[in-house]
Amino acid sequence: MSRAIHTKHSQLRMSQRAISEADVQALLSWGDLRHEKGAEIYVGTKATAEILVGEGRSRQEADRIKGKYLVLKDQTILTVAHRHH
């Protein structure tokens, strides 16, 4: 995937929610892709964490991705957040 563009809103949410650019790139590369209302939702799952461990990331770092998601539309990241169960 080509590099997505951040909105000011997504940058603010990353800062507020302690979601790193590495987290964003991991979601875009290996997150579970869902389509809703014309947008792409990338969700960090257990499977995403396992892929990250396989890519050489520490278990602790990989587990941080679980429960995070981002919303992408037209190659623009609209927001990033943590899922609440």
Protein backbone atom coordinates (compact mmCIF):
# COMPACT_ATOMS: atom_id res chain seq x y z
CA MET A 1 0.00 0.00 0.00
CA SER A 2 1.27 3.47 -0.77
CA ARG A 3 1.73 5.81 2.15
CA ALA A 4 -1.55 7.17 3.46
CA ILE A 5 -2.01 10.83 4.32
CA HIS A 6 -2.98 11.86 7.86
CA THR A 7 -5.63 14.46 8.60
CA LYS A 8 -5.00 16.91 11.44
CA HIS A 9 -7.73 15.04 13.30
CA SER A 10 -5.96 11.68 12.97
CA GLN A 11 -2.66 13.21 14.10
CA LEU A 12 -4.37 14.70 17.15
CA ARG A 13 -6.04 11.38 17.98
CA MET A 14 -2.72 9.52 17.63
CA SER A 15 -1.18 11.88 20.15
CA GLN A 16 -4.11 11.73 22.56
CA ARG A 17 -4.39 7.95 22.38
CA ALA A 18 -0.68 7.05 22.37
CA ILE A 19 -0.93 5.37 18.96
CA SER A 20 2.40 5.51 17.15
CA GLU A 21 3.15 5.80 13.44
CA ALA A 22 4.58 2.26 13.70
CA ASP A 23 1.16 1.13 14.99
CA VAL A 24 -0.53 2.85 12.06
CA GLN A 25 1.80 1.21 9.54
CA ALA A 26 1.27 -2.20 11.17
CA LEU A 27 -2.51 -1.76 10.96
CA LEU A 28 -2.30 -0.75 7.30
CA SER A 29 0.00 -3.67 6.48
CA TRP A 30 -1.47 -6.50 8.55
CA GLY A 31 -4.71 -5.33 10.18
CA ASP A 32 -8.02 -7.07 9.55
CA LEU A 33 -9.69 -5.08 6.74
CA ARG A 34 -13.39 -4.29 6.93
CA HIS A 35 -15.51 -2.06 4.71
CA GLU A 36 -18.12 0.25 6.23
CA LYS A 37 -19.94 3.26 4.80
CA GLY A 38 -17.46 3.72 1.95
CA ALA A 39 -14.41 3.61 4.22
CA GLU A 40 -11.82 0.96 5.00
CA ILE A 41 -11.44 0.01 8.66
CA TYR A 42 -8.15 -1.68 9.65
CA VAL A 43 -8.40 -3.50 12.97
CA GLY A 44 -5.58 -4.94 15.06
CA THR A 45 -6.44 -8.50 16.09
CA LYS A 46 -4.72 -11.46 17.73
CA ALA A 47 -3.78 -12.61 14.22
CA THR A 48 -2.22 -9.20 13.52
CA ALA A 49 -0.14 -9.51 16.69
CA GLU A 50 1.04 -12.99 15.67
CA ILE A 51 2.14 -11.67 12.27
CA LEU A 52 4.10 -8.88 13.99
CA VAL A 53 5.88 -11.40 16.23
CA GLY A 54 6.73 -13.38 13.10
CA GLU A 55 8.15 -10.17 11.62
CA GLY A 56 10.52 -9.87 14.58
CA ARG A 57 8.62 -7.52 16.88
CA SER A 58 8.60 -8.25 20.60
CA ARG A 59 5.51 -9.92 22.06
CA GLN A 60 4.84 -6.82 24.16
CA GLU A 61 5.04 -4.51 21.15
CA ALA A 62 2.92 -6.85 19.03
CA ASP A 63 0.23 -7.17 21.69
CA ARG A 64 -0.15 -3.38 21.77
CA ILE A 65 -1.76 -3.50 18.32
CA LYS A 66 -4.69 -5.61 19.48
CA GLY A 67 -7.84 -3.54 19.82
CA LYS A 68 -6.57 -0.56 17.84
CA TYR A 69 -8.12 0.51 14.57
CA LEU A 70 -7.97 3.20 11.95
CA VAL A 71 -10.40 4.55 9.39
CA LEU A 72 -9.08 5.16 5.87
CA LYS A 73 -10.91 6.76 2.96
CA ASP A 74 -9.36 7.77 -0.36
CA GLN A 75 -5.83 7.07 0.99
CA THR A 76 -6.48 9.48 3.89
CA ILE A 77 -6.44 8.36 7.52
CA LEU A 78 -9.49 9.96 9.09
CA THR A 79 -9.05 8.74 12.68
CA VAL A 80 -7.34 6.18 14.89
CA ALA A 81 -8.69 4.72 18.11
CA HIS A 82 -8.93 1.84 20.56
CA ARG A 83 -11.90 -0.51 20.32
CA HIS A 84 -14.08 -0.62 23.40
CA HIS A 85 -15.65 -3.99 24.11
